[in-house]
């Protein structure tokens, strides 16, 4: 399974990537620049999407 993980905080995205990739058969690509995401989606031919939003208080 290919996962594209997007977050504007590098440390958050790196830590989350490590957690997700501890599962077998999961490959994670990370991006911190939201403007690059459409190109990555086309490049990797991604077809399924879901979003998780977090709020820092």
PDB file of N, CA and C in Angstrom:
ATOM      1  N   UNK A   1       0.842  -1.160   0.000  1.00  0.00           N
ATOM      2  CA  UNK A   1       0.000   0.000   0.000  1.00  0.00           C
ATOM      3  C   UNK A   1       0.897   1.236   0.000  1.00  0.00           C
ATOM      4  N   UNK A   2       0.546   2.179  -0.815  1.00  0.00           N
ATOM      5  CA  UNK A   2       1.266   3.449  -0.886  1.00  0.00           C
ATOM      6  C   UNK A   2       0.492   4.495  -0.096  1.00  0.00           C
ATOM      7  N   UNK A   3       1.189   5.228   0.774  1.00  0.00           N
ATOM      8  CA  UNK A   3       0.577   6.274   1.580  1.00  0.00           C
ATOM      9  C   UNK A   3       1.316   7.575   1.325  1.00  0.00           C
ATOM     10  N   UNK A   4       0.569   8.631   1.062  1.00  0.00           N
ATOM     11  CA  UNK A   4       1.136   9.970   0.954  1.00  0.00           C
ATOM     12  C   UNK A   4       0.724  10.719   2.208  1.00  0.00           C
ATOM     13  N   UNK A   5       1.701  11.077   3.010  1.00  0.00           N
ATOM     14  CA  UNK A   5       1.470  11.724   4.296  1.00  0.00           C
ATOM     15  C   UNK A   5       1.881  13.186   4.187  1.00  0.00           C
ATOM     16  N   UNK A   6       0.941  14.095   4.485  1.00  0.00           N
ATOM     17  CA  UNK A   6       1.189  15.524   4.332  1.00  0.00           C
ATOM     18  C   UNK A   6       0.967  16.222   5.670  1.00  0.00           C
ATOM     19  N   UNK A   7       1.962  16.976   6.089  1.00  0.00           N
ATOM     20  CA  UNK A   7       1.852  17.789   7.302  1.00  0.00           C
ATOM     21  C   UNK A   7       2.887  18.893   7.180  1.00  0.00           C
ATOM     22  N   UNK A   8       2.578  20.055   7.714  1.00  0.00           N
ATOM     23  CA  UNK A   8       3.515  21.172   7.588  1.00  0.00           C
ATOM     24  C   UNK A   8       4.603  21.164   8.660  1.00  0.00           C
ATOM     25  N   UNK A   9       4.575  20.180   9.533  1.00  0.00           N
ATOM     26  CA  UNK A   9       5.609  20.052  10.568  1.00  0.00           C
ATOM     27  C   UNK A   9       6.449  18.806  10.288  1.00  0.00           C
ATOM     28  N   UNK A  10       7.689  18.998   9.926  1.00  0.00           N
ATOM     29  CA  UNK A  10       8.583  17.902   9.529  1.00  0.00           C
ATOM     30  C   UNK A  10       8.692  16.833  10.619  1.00  0.00           C
ATOM     31  N   UNK A  11       8.823  17.216  11.874  1.00  0.00           N
ATOM     32  CA  UNK A  11       8.991  16.219  12.942  1.00  0.00           C
ATOM     33  C   UNK A  11       7.740  15.357  13.099  1.00  0.00           C
ATOM     34  N   UNK A  12       6.570  15.954  12.932  1.00  0.00           N
ATOM     35  CA  UNK A  12       5.311  15.194  13.023  1.00  0.00           C
ATOM     36  C   UNK A  12       5.235  14.169  11.903  1.00  0.00           C
ATOM     37  N   UNK A  13       5.516  14.604  10.705  1.00  0.00           N
ATOM     38  CA  UNK A  13       5.392  13.724   9.546  1.00  0.00           C
ATOM     39  C   UNK A  13       6.446  12.604   9.583  1.00  0.00           C
ATOM     40  N   UNK A  14       7.642  12.902  10.047  1.00  0.00           N
ATOM     41  CA  UNK A  14       8.684  11.866  10.142  1.00  0.00           C
ATOM     42  C   UNK A  14       8.313  10.809  11.179  1.00  0.00           C
ATOM     43  N   UNK A  15       7.814  11.251  12.341  1.00  0.00           N
ATOM     44  CA  UNK A  15       7.415  10.307  13.380  1.00  0.00           C
ATOM     45  C   UNK A  15       6.245   9.443  12.950  1.00  0.00           C
ATOM     46  N   UNK A  16       5.263  10.067  12.302  1.00  0.00           N
ATOM     47  CA  UNK A  16       4.100   9.320  11.819  1.00  0.00           C
ATOM     48  C   UNK A  16       4.507   8.325  10.753  1.00  0.00           C
ATOM     49  N   UNK A  17       5.432   8.713   9.891  1.00  0.00           N
ATOM     50  CA  UNK A  17       5.929   7.808   8.853  1.00  0.00           C
ATOM     51  C   UNK A  17       6.548   6.559   9.486  1.00  0.00           C
ATOM     52  N   UNK A  18       7.349   6.754  10.523  1.00  0.00           N
ATOM     53  CA  UNK A  18       7.985   5.611  11.183  1.00  0.00           C
ATOM     54  C   UNK A  18       6.942   4.662  11.769  1.00  0.00           C
ATOM     55  N   UNK A  19       5.904   5.214  12.375  1.00  0.00           N
ATOM     56  CA  UNK A  19       4.841   4.376  12.944  1.00  0.00           C
ATOM     57  C   UNK A  19       4.103   3.590  11.868  1.00  0.00           C
ATOM     58  N   UNK A  20       3.739   4.268  10.793  1.00  0.00           N
ATOM     59  CA  UNK A  20       2.978   3.605   9.729  1.00  0.00           C
ATOM     60  C   UNK A  20       3.822   2.539   9.039  1.00  0.00           C
ATOM     61  N   UNK A  21       5.089   2.853   8.772  1.00  0.00           N
ATOM     62  CA  UNK A  21       5.936   1.898   8.050  1.00  0.00           C
ATOM     63  C   UNK A  21       6.346   0.699   8.899  1.00  0.00           C
ATOM     64  N   UNK A  22       6.020   0.708  10.184  1.00  0.00           N
ATOM     65  CA  UNK A  22       6.299  -0.479  10.989  1.00  0.00           C
ATOM     66  C   UNK A  22       5.351  -1.621  10.632  1.00  0.00           C
ATOM     67  N   UNK A  23       4.285  -1.300   9.913  1.00  0.00           N
ATOM     68  CA  UNK A  23       3.366  -2.324   9.415  1.00  0.00           C
ATOM     69  C   UNK A  23       3.921  -2.888   8.104  1.00  0.00           C
ATOM     70  N   UNK A  24       3.734  -4.185   7.896  1.00  0.00           N
ATOM     71  CA  UNK A  24       4.246  -4.783   6.654  1.00  0.00           C
ATOM     72  C   UNK A  24       3.495  -4.270   5.421  1.00  0.00           C
ATOM     73  N   UNK A  25       4.198  -4.191   4.328  1.00  0.00           N
ATOM     74  CA  UNK A  25       3.623  -3.853   3.021  1.00  0.00           C
ATOM     75  C   UNK A  25       3.070  -2.433   2.923  1.00  0.00           C
ATOM     76  N   UNK A  26       3.586  -1.507   3.725  1.00  0.00           N
ATOM     77  CA  UNK A  26       3.163  -0.116   3.623  1.00  0.00           C
ATOM     78  C   UNK A  26       4.387   0.745   3.328  1.00  0.00           C
ATOM     79  N   UNK A  27       4.288   1.535   2.260  1.00  0.00           N
ATOM     80  CA  UNK A  27       5.342   2.456   1.876  1.00  0.00           C
ATOM     81  C   UNK A  27       4.807   3.877   1.998  1.00  0.00           C
ATOM     82  N   UNK A  28       5.512   4.745   2.723  1.00  0.00           N
ATOM     83  CA  UNK A  28       5.046   6.100   2.991  1.00  0.00           C
ATOM     84  C   UNK A  28       5.932   7.116   2.283  1.00  0.00           C
ATOM     85  N   UNK A  29       5.294   8.031   1.563  1.00  0.00           N
ATOM     86  CA  UNK A  29       5.958   9.201   1.005  1.00  0.00           C
ATOM     87  C   UNK A  29       5.482  10.389   1.819  1.00  0.00           C
ATOM     88  N   UNK A  30       6.414  11.245   2.226  1.00  0.00           N
ATOM     89  CA  UNK A  30       6.035  12.403   3.023  1.00  0.00           C
ATOM     90  C   UNK A  30       6.211  13.681   2.228  1.00  0.00           C
ATOM     91  N   UNK A  31       5.379  14.672   2.565  1.00  0.00           N
ATOM     92  CA  UNK A  31       5.479  15.988   1.944  1.00  0.00           C
ATOM     93  C   UNK A  31       5.072  17.037   2.973  1.00  0.00           C
ATOM     94  N   UNK A  32       5.833  18.123   3.030  1.00  0.00           N
ATOM     95  CA  UNK A  32       5.502  19.212   3.942  1.00  0.00           C
ATOM     96  C   UNK A  32       5.018  20.453   3.193  1.00  0.00           C
ATOM     97  N   UNK A  33       5.080  20.425   1.887  1.00  0.00           N
ATOM     98  CA  UNK A  33       4.623  21.559   1.071  1.00  0.00           C
ATOM     99  C   UNK A  33       3.325  21.176   0.365  1.00  0.00           C
ATOM    100  N   UNK A  34       2.231  21.762   0.808  1.00  0.00           N
ATOM    101  CA  UNK A  34       0.914  21.407   0.279  1.00  0.00           C
ATOM    102  C   UNK A  34       0.819  21.663  -1.230  1.00  0.00           C
ATOM    103  N   UNK A  35       1.593  22.583  -1.742  1.00  0.00           N
ATOM    104  CA  UNK A  35       1.536  22.891  -3.171  1.00  0.00           C
ATOM    105  C   UNK A  35       2.150  21.796  -4.040  1.00  0.00           C
ATOM    106  N   UNK A  36       2.922  20.899  -3.448  1.00  0.00           N
ATOM    107  CA  UNK A  36       3.514  19.789  -4.188  1.00  0.00           C
ATOM    108  C   UNK A  36       2.607  18.566  -4.243  1.00  0.00           C
ATOM    109  N   UNK A  37       1.575  18.554  -3.427  1.00  0.00           N
ATOM    110  CA  UNK A  37       0.723  17.366  -3.306  1.00  0.00           C
ATOM    111  C   UNK A  37       0.048  16.970  -4.622  1.00  0.00           C
ATOM    112  N   UNK A  38      -0.566  17.891  -5.373  1.00  0.00           N
ATOM    113  CA  UNK A  38      -1.200  17.458  -6.628  1.00  0.00           C
ATOM    114  C   UNK A  38      -0.236  16.761  -7.585  1.00  0.00           C
ATOM    115  N   UNK A  39       1.006  17.248  -7.656  1.00  0.00           N
ATOM    116  CA  UNK A  39       1.996  16.606  -8.524  1.00  0.00           C
ATOM    117  C   UNK A  39       2.335  15.199  -8.029  1.00  0.00           C
ATOM    118  N   UNK A  40       2.471  15.028  -6.717  1.00  0.00           N
ATOM    119  CA  UNK A  40       2.768  13.706  -6.164  1.00  0.00           C
ATOM    120  C   UNK A  40       1.620  12.731  -6.399  1.00  0.00           C
ATOM    121  N   UNK A  41       0.399  13.220  -6.287  1.00  0.00           N
ATOM    122  CA  UNK A  41      -0.767  12.365  -6.533  1.00  0.00           C
ATOM    123  C   UNK A  41      -0.746  11.868  -7.977  1.00  0.00           C
ATOM    124  N   UNK A  42      -0.477  12.758  -8.914  1.00  0.00           N
ATOM    125  CA  UNK A  42      -0.404  12.348 -10.323  1.00  0.00           C
ATOM    126  C   UNK A  42       0.788  11.425 -10.576  1.00  0.00           C
ATOM    127  N   UNK A  43       1.944  11.763 -10.010  1.00  0.00           N
ATOM    128  CA  UNK A  43       3.156  10.987 -10.228  1.00  0.00           C
ATOM    129  C   UNK A  43       3.015   9.559  -9.707  1.00  0.00           C
ATOM    130  N   UNK A  44       2.424   9.403  -8.546  1.00  0.00           N
ATOM    131  CA  UNK A  44       2.270   8.090  -7.925  1.00  0.00           C
ATOM    132  C   UNK A  44       0.970   7.405  -8.326  1.00  0.00           C
ATOM    133  N   UNK A  45       0.135   8.098  -9.126  1.00  0.00           N
ATOM    134  CA  UNK A  45      -1.123   7.543  -9.610  1.00  0.00           C
ATOM    135  C   UNK A  45      -2.006   7.093  -8.440  1.00  0.00           C
ATOM    136  N   UNK A  46      -2.126   7.944  -7.437  1.00  0.00           N
ATOM    137  CA  UNK A  46      -2.926   7.625  -6.262  1.00  0.00           C
ATOM    138  C   UNK A  46      -4.412   7.762  -6.592  1.00  0.00           C
ATOM    139  N   UNK A  47      -5.212   6.837  -6.087  1.00  0.00           N
ATOM    140  CA  UNK A  47      -6.639   6.843  -6.412  1.00  0.00           C
ATOM    141  C   UNK A  47      -7.534   6.860  -5.179  1.00  0.00           C
ATOM    142  N   UNK A  48      -7.006   6.555  -4.004  1.00  0.00           N
ATOM    143  CA  UNK A  48      -7.805   6.543  -2.783  1.00  0.00           C
ATOM    144  C   UNK A  48      -7.264   7.590  -1.825  1.00  0.00           C
ATOM    145  N   UNK A  49      -8.177   8.308  -1.191  1.00  0.00           N
ATOM    146  CA  UNK A  49      -7.767   9.397  -0.323  1.00  0.00           C
ATOM    147  C   UNK A  49      -8.554   9.380   0.977  1.00  0.00           C
ATOM    148  N   UNK A  50      -7.920   9.795   2.034  1.00  0.00           N
ATOM    149  CA  UNK A  50      -8.608  10.129   3.262  1.00  0.00           C
ATOM    150  C   UNK A  50      -7.798  11.198   3.978  1.00  0.00           C
ATOM    151  N   UNK A  51      -8.457  11.947   4.810  1.00  0.00           N
ATOM    152  CA  UNK A  51      -7.804  13.052   5.491  1.00  0.00           C
ATOM    153  C   UNK A  51      -7.989  12.931   7.002  1.00  0.00           C
ATOM    154  N   UNK A  52      -6.969  13.336   7.710  1.00  0.00           N
ATOM    155  CA  UNK A  52      -7.047  13.464   9.162  1.00  0.00           C
ATOM    156  C   UNK A  52      -6.598  14.879   9.486  1.00  0.00           C
ATOM    157  N   UNK A  53      -7.471  15.597  10.139  1.00  0.00           N
ATOM    158  CA  UNK A  53      -7.127  16.973  10.515  1.00  0.00           C
ATOM    159  C   UNK A  53      -6.903  17.020  12.013  1.00  0.00           C
ATOM    160  N   UNK A  54      -5.852  17.712  12.409  1.00  0.00           N
ATOM    161  CA  UNK A  54      -5.605  17.909  13.834  1.00  0.00           C
ATOM    162  C   UNK A  54      -5.563  19.400  14.111  1.00  0.00           C
ATOM    163  N   UNK A  55      -5.916  19.754  15.301  1.00  0.00           N
ATOM    164  CA  UNK A  55      -5.916  21.151  15.719  1.00  0.00           C
ATOM    165  C   UNK A  55      -5.002  21.287  16.925  1.00  0.00           C
ATOM    166  N   UNK A  56      -4.051  22.170  16.828  1.00  0.00           N
ATOM    167  CA  UNK A  56      -3.151  22.420  17.948  1.00  0.00           C
ATOM    168  C   UNK A  56      -3.688  23.595  18.753  1.00  0.00           C
ATOM    169  N   UNK A  57      -3.872  23.383  20.027  1.00  0.00           N
ATOM    170  CA  UNK A  57      -4.416  24.442  20.902  1.00  0.00           C
ATOM    171  C   UNK A  57      -3.316  24.992  21.768  1.00  0.00           C
TER     172      UNK A  57
END
